[in-house]
C-alpha atoms as a PDB file:
ATOM      1  CA  UNK A   1     -66.109   8.814  17.521  1.00  0.00           C
ATOM      2  CA  UNK A   2     -66.394   9.278  13.763  1.00  0.00           C
ATOM      3  CA  UNK A   3     -67.625   5.603  11.853  1.00  0.00           C
ATOM      4  CA  UNK A   4     -68.727   5.427   8.245  1.00  0.00           C
ATOM      5  CA  UNK A   5     -70.148   2.395   6.161  1.00  0.00           C
ATOM      6  CA  UNK A   6     -68.484   1.398   2.806  1.00  0.00           C
ATOM      7  CA  UNK A   7     -68.409  -1.288   0.233  1.00  0.00           C
ATOM      8  CA  UNK A   8     -65.187  -3.144   0.237  1.00  0.00           C
ATOM      9  CA  UNK A   9     -63.968  -2.802  -2.903  1.00  0.00           C
ATOM     10  CA  UNK A  10     -61.197  -6.076  -2.500  1.00  0.00           C
ATOM     11  CA  UNK A  11     -60.913  -8.577   1.258  1.00  0.00           C
ATOM     12  CA  UNK A  12     -60.546  -6.558   3.770  1.00  0.00           C
ATOM     13  CA  UNK A  13     -58.438  -7.624   6.573  1.00  0.00           C
ATOM     14  CA  UNK A  14     -59.329  -6.371  10.098  1.00  0.00           C
ATOM     15  CA  UNK A  15     -57.929  -3.118  11.870  1.00  0.00           C
ATOM     16  CA  UNK A  16     -55.936  -2.332   8.630  1.00  0.00           C
ATOM     17  CA  UNK A  17     -56.044   1.537   7.463  1.00  0.00           C
ATOM     18  CA  UNK A  18     -57.943   1.972   4.258  1.00  0.00           C
ATOM     19  CA  UNK A  19     -58.230   4.178   1.004  1.00  0.00           C
ATOM     20  CA  UNK A  20     -60.670   4.661  -1.378  1.00  0.00           C
ATOM     21  CA  UNK A  21     -60.715   3.608  -4.360  1.00  0.00           C
ATOM     22  CA  UNK A  22     -61.746   5.224  -7.887  1.00  0.00           C
ATOM     23  CA  UNK A  23     -65.281   3.254  -7.600  1.00  0.00           C
ATOM     24  CA  UNK A  24     -66.264   4.648  -4.156  1.00  0.00           C
ATOM     25  CA  UNK A  25     -65.257   1.820  -2.242  1.00  0.00           C
ATOM     26  CA  UNK A  26     -62.905   1.050  -0.054  1.00  0.00           C
ATOM     27  CA  UNK A  27     -59.455  -1.567  -0.237  1.00  0.00           C
ATOM     28  CA  UNK A  28     -55.905  -1.294   1.768  1.00  0.00           C
ATOM     29  CA  UNK A  29     -53.666   1.436   2.170  1.00  0.00           C
ATOM     30  CA  UNK A  30     -50.567   0.196   0.338  1.00  0.00           C
ATOM     31  CA  UNK A  31     -48.520   3.589   0.511  1.00  0.00           C
ATOM     32  CA  UNK A  32     -47.788   6.297   2.870  1.00  0.00           C
ATOM     33  CA  UNK A  33     -49.246   8.512  -0.403  1.00  0.00           C
ATOM     34  CA  UNK A  34     -52.167   7.233  -0.425  1.00  0.00           C
ATOM     35  CA  UNK A  35     -55.187   9.128   0.763  1.00  0.00           C
ATOM     36  CA  UNK A  36     -56.197   7.510   4.079  1.00  0.00           C
ATOM     37  CA  UNK A  37     -59.957   7.275   4.879  1.00  0.00           C
ATOM     38  CA  UNK A  38     -59.590   5.189   8.186  1.00  0.00           C
ATOM     39  CA  UNK A  39     -59.337   2.150  10.179  1.00  0.00           C
ATOM     40  CA  UNK A  40     -61.196  -0.988   9.242  1.00  0.00           C
ATOM     41  CA  UNK A  41     -63.621  -2.496  12.287  1.00  0.00           C
ATOM     42  CA  UNK A  42     -62.554  -5.446  14.022  1.00  0.00           C
ATOM     43  CA  UNK A  43     -63.652  -8.068  11.518  1.00  0.00           C
ATOM     44  CA  UNK A  44     -62.149  -9.811   8.431  1.00  0.00           C
ATOM     45  CA  UNK A  45     -64.915  -8.757   5.110  1.00  0.00           C
ATOM     46  CA  UNK A  46     -64.893 -10.356   1.555  1.00  0.00           C
ATOM     47  CA  UNK A  47     -65.618  -7.690  -1.540  1.00  0.00           C
ATOM     48  CA  UNK A  48     -68.505  -6.697  -2.088  1.00  0.00           C
ATOM     49  CA  UNK A  49     -69.353  -6.789   1.747  1.00  0.00           C
ATOM     50  CA  UNK A  50     -70.120  -3.720   4.079  1.00  0.00           C
ATOM     51  CA  UNK A  51     -67.251  -2.875   6.116  1.00  0.00           C
ATOM     52  CA  UNK A  52     -67.372   0.094   9.108  1.00  0.00           C
ATOM     53  CA  UNK A  53     -64.543   2.667   8.658  1.00  0.00           C
ATOM     54  CA  UNK A  54     -63.424   4.517  12.058  1.00  0.00           C
ATOM     55  CA  UNK A  55     -61.867   8.051  10.865  1.00  0.00           C
ATOM     56  CA  UNK A  56     -62.058   9.759  14.377  1.00  0.00           C
ATOM     57  CA  UNK A  57     -61.063   9.024  17.906  1.00  0.00           C
ATOM     58  CA  UNK A  58     -59.423   5.855  19.667  1.00  0.00           C
ATOM     59  CA  UNK A  59     -59.096   2.552  17.637  1.00  0.00           C
ATOM     60  CA  UNK A  60     -57.508  -0.665  17.406  1.00  0.00           C
ATOM     61  CA  UNK A  61     -54.921  -1.219  14.311  1.00  0.00           C
ATOM     62  CA  UNK A  62     -52.469  -3.560  13.113  1.00  0.00           C
ATOM     63  CA  UNK A  63     -48.895  -2.433  13.322  1.00  0.00           C
ATOM     64  CA  UNK A  64     -46.024  -3.908  10.381  1.00  0.00           C
ATOM     65  CA  UNK A  65     -42.967  -2.584  12.408  1.00  0.00           C
ATOM     66  CA  UNK A  66     -41.897  -1.166  15.515  1.00  0.00           C
ATOM     67  CA  UNK A  67     -43.573   2.318  17.263  1.00  0.00           C
ATOM     68  CA  UNK A  68     -43.294   4.624  19.598  1.00  0.00           C
ATOM     69  CA  UNK A  69     -45.918   6.213  22.107  1.00  0.00           C
ATOM     70  CA  UNK A  70     -46.878   9.370  20.381  1.00  0.00           C
ATOM     71  CA  UNK A  71     -45.076   8.377  17.218  1.00  0.00           C
ATOM     72  CA  UNK A  72     -47.335   9.645  13.865  1.00  0.00           C
ATOM     73  CA  UNK A  73     -48.691   6.718  11.518  1.00  0.00           C
ATOM     74  CA  UNK A  74     -49.390   5.850   7.923  1.00  0.00           C
ATOM     75  CA  UNK A  75     -49.782   2.334   6.400  1.00  0.00           C
ATOM     76  CA  UNK A  76     -47.127   0.037   5.097  1.00  0.00           C
ATOM     77  CA  UNK A  77     -48.214  -2.228   1.885  1.00  0.00           C
ATOM     78  CA  UNK A  78     -50.469  -4.062   3.299  1.00  0.00           C
ATOM     79  CA  UNK A  79     -52.298  -1.607   5.334  1.00  0.00           C
ATOM     80  CA  UNK A  80     -50.846  -2.383   8.786  1.00  0.00           C
ATOM     81  CA  UNK A  81     -49.337   1.111  10.773  1.00  0.00           C
ATOM     82  CA  UNK A  82     -46.006   1.960  10.805  1.00  0.00           C
ATOM     83  CA  UNK A  83     -43.956   4.791  12.182  1.00  0.00           C
ATOM     84  CA  UNK A  84     -45.078   8.193   9.328  1.00  0.00           C
ATOM     85  CA  UNK A  85     -41.294   9.696   8.013  1.00  0.00           C
ATOM     86  CA  UNK A  86     -40.234  12.703   6.290  1.00  0.00           C
ATOM     87  CA  UNK A  87     -38.516  11.946   3.439  1.00  0.00           C
ATOM     88  CA  UNK A  88     -34.970  13.569   3.473  1.00  0.00           C
ATOM     89  CA  UNK A  89     -33.321  12.465  -0.031  1.00  0.00           C
ATOM     90  CA  UNK A  90     -34.621  15.644  -1.838  1.00  0.00           C
ATOM     91  CA  UNK A  91     -32.836  17.377   0.862  1.00  0.00           C
ATOM     92  CA  UNK A  92     -29.838  15.788   1.281  1.00  0.00           C
ATOM     93  CA  UNK A  93     -29.087  16.429  -2.488  1.00  0.00           C
ATOM     94  CA  UNK A  94     -29.967  20.048  -2.008  1.00  0.00           C
ATOM     95  CA  UNK A  95     -27.520  20.196   0.814  1.00  0.00           C
ATOM     96  CA  UNK A  96     -25.141  19.768  -1.060  1.00  0.00           C
ATOM     97  CA  UNK A  97     -25.461  22.632  -4.022  1.00  0.00           C
ATOM     98  CA  UNK A  98     -23.380  25.527  -3.026  1.00  0.00           C
ATOM     99  CA  UNK A  99     -25.767  27.866  -5.216  1.00  0.00           C
ATOM    100  CA  UNK A 100     -28.937  27.216  -2.944  1.00  0.00           C
ATOM    101  CA  UNK A 101     -29.842  29.100  -0.488  1.00  0.00           C
ATOM    102  CA  UNK A 102     -31.651  28.704   2.669  1.00  0.00           C
ATOM    103  CA  UNK A 103     -34.908  30.369   1.842  1.00  0.00           C
ATOM    104  CA  UNK A 104     -35.351  27.262  -0.959  1.00  0.00           C
ATOM    105  CA  UNK A 105     -34.076  24.710   1.931  1.00  0.00           C
ATOM    106  CA  UNK A 106     -36.812  25.639   4.356  1.00  0.00           C
ATOM    107  CA  UNK A 107     -39.567  26.051   1.509  1.00  0.00           C
ATOM    108  CA  UNK A 108     -38.520  21.802   0.939  1.00  0.00           C
ATOM    109  CA  UNK A 109     -38.851  21.219   4.855  1.00  0.00           C
ATOM    110  CA  UNK A 110     -41.916  22.828   4.440  1.00  0.00           C
ATOM    111  CA  UNK A 111     -43.363  21.312   1.803  1.00  0.00           C
ATOM    112  CA  UNK A 112     -42.580  17.105   3.106  1.00  0.00           C
ATOM    113  CA  UNK A 113     -43.982  18.226   6.444  1.00  0.00           C
ATOM    114  CA  UNK A 114     -47.341  19.328   4.707  1.00  0.00           C
ATOM    115  CA  UNK A 115     -46.979  15.856   3.205  1.00  0.00           C
ATOM    116  CA  UNK A 116     -46.087  13.955   6.320  1.00  0.00           C
ATOM    117  CA  UNK A 117     -49.289  15.875   7.879  1.00  0.00           C
ATOM    118  CA  UNK A 118     -51.184  14.907   5.446  1.00  0.00           C
ATOM    119  CA  UNK A 119     -50.393  10.931   4.858  1.00  0.00           C
ATOM    120  CA  UNK A 120     -50.622  10.351   8.792  1.00  0.00           C
ATOM    121  CA  UNK A 121     -53.849   8.511  10.146  1.00  0.00           C
ATOM    122  CA  UNK A 122     -52.871   9.722  13.816  1.00  0.00           C
ATOM    123  CA  UNK A 123     -50.329   8.834  16.525  1.00  0.00           C
ATOM    124  CA  UNK A 124     -49.458   5.309  18.193  1.00  0.00           C
ATOM    125  CA  UNK A 125     -50.906   5.141  21.947  1.00  0.00           C
ATOM    126  CA  UNK A 126     -48.500   2.896  23.312  1.00  0.00           C
ATOM    127  CA  UNK A 127     -45.471   1.201  22.076  1.00  0.00           C
ATOM    128  CA  UNK A 128     -46.540  -1.550  19.763  1.00  0.00           C
ATOM    129  CA  UNK A 129     -44.112  -3.993  17.104  1.00  0.00           C
ATOM    130  CA  UNK A 130     -44.925  -5.854  14.650  1.00  0.00           C
ATOM    131  CA  UNK A 131     -48.158  -7.553  14.534  1.00  0.00           C
ATOM    132  CA  UNK A 132     -49.790  -5.949  18.028  1.00  0.00           C
ATOM    133  CA  UNK A 133     -52.713  -5.038  17.723  1.00  0.00           C
ATOM    134  CA  UNK A 134     -53.005  -1.149  20.047  1.00  0.00           C
ATOM    135  CA  UNK A 135     -54.591   1.375  20.133  1.00  0.00           C
ATOM    136  CA  UNK A 136     -53.929   5.161  18.227  1.00  0.00           C
ATOM    137  CA  UNK A 137     -55.643   8.596  18.239  1.00  0.00           C
ATOM    138  CA  UNK A 138     -57.126   8.473  15.023  1.00  0.00           C
ATOM    139  CA  UNK A 139     -57.163  12.718  13.710  1.00  0.00           C
END
């Protein structure tokens, strides 16, 4: 298990996914496209206080939606864990254009998978629903 202490850049509830702010503090992650730093300890913290952030190993996390065991996790707009999904919007648009070849489609798929892997915090150890606090395996 990897745990590191940081200064909270804002109030952060317990068991939430955080990201680094511009001043090297941690704040709640609000987008699956944030560079996720880890998951906070089981205590709420106020801005300016020290917060322990777990970055590797098993850690309880608050869920923001229905998640199946083994689902890759990212954050919702409140720093809660949700299932990470690939955005296929661009792929759907590409598939309607007849002049696009399969190499371009495969290149786009690889880029989407790379984005998904980069923007995940780990995976769910158990099935969970919104509001549950349950174990995740952080990567």
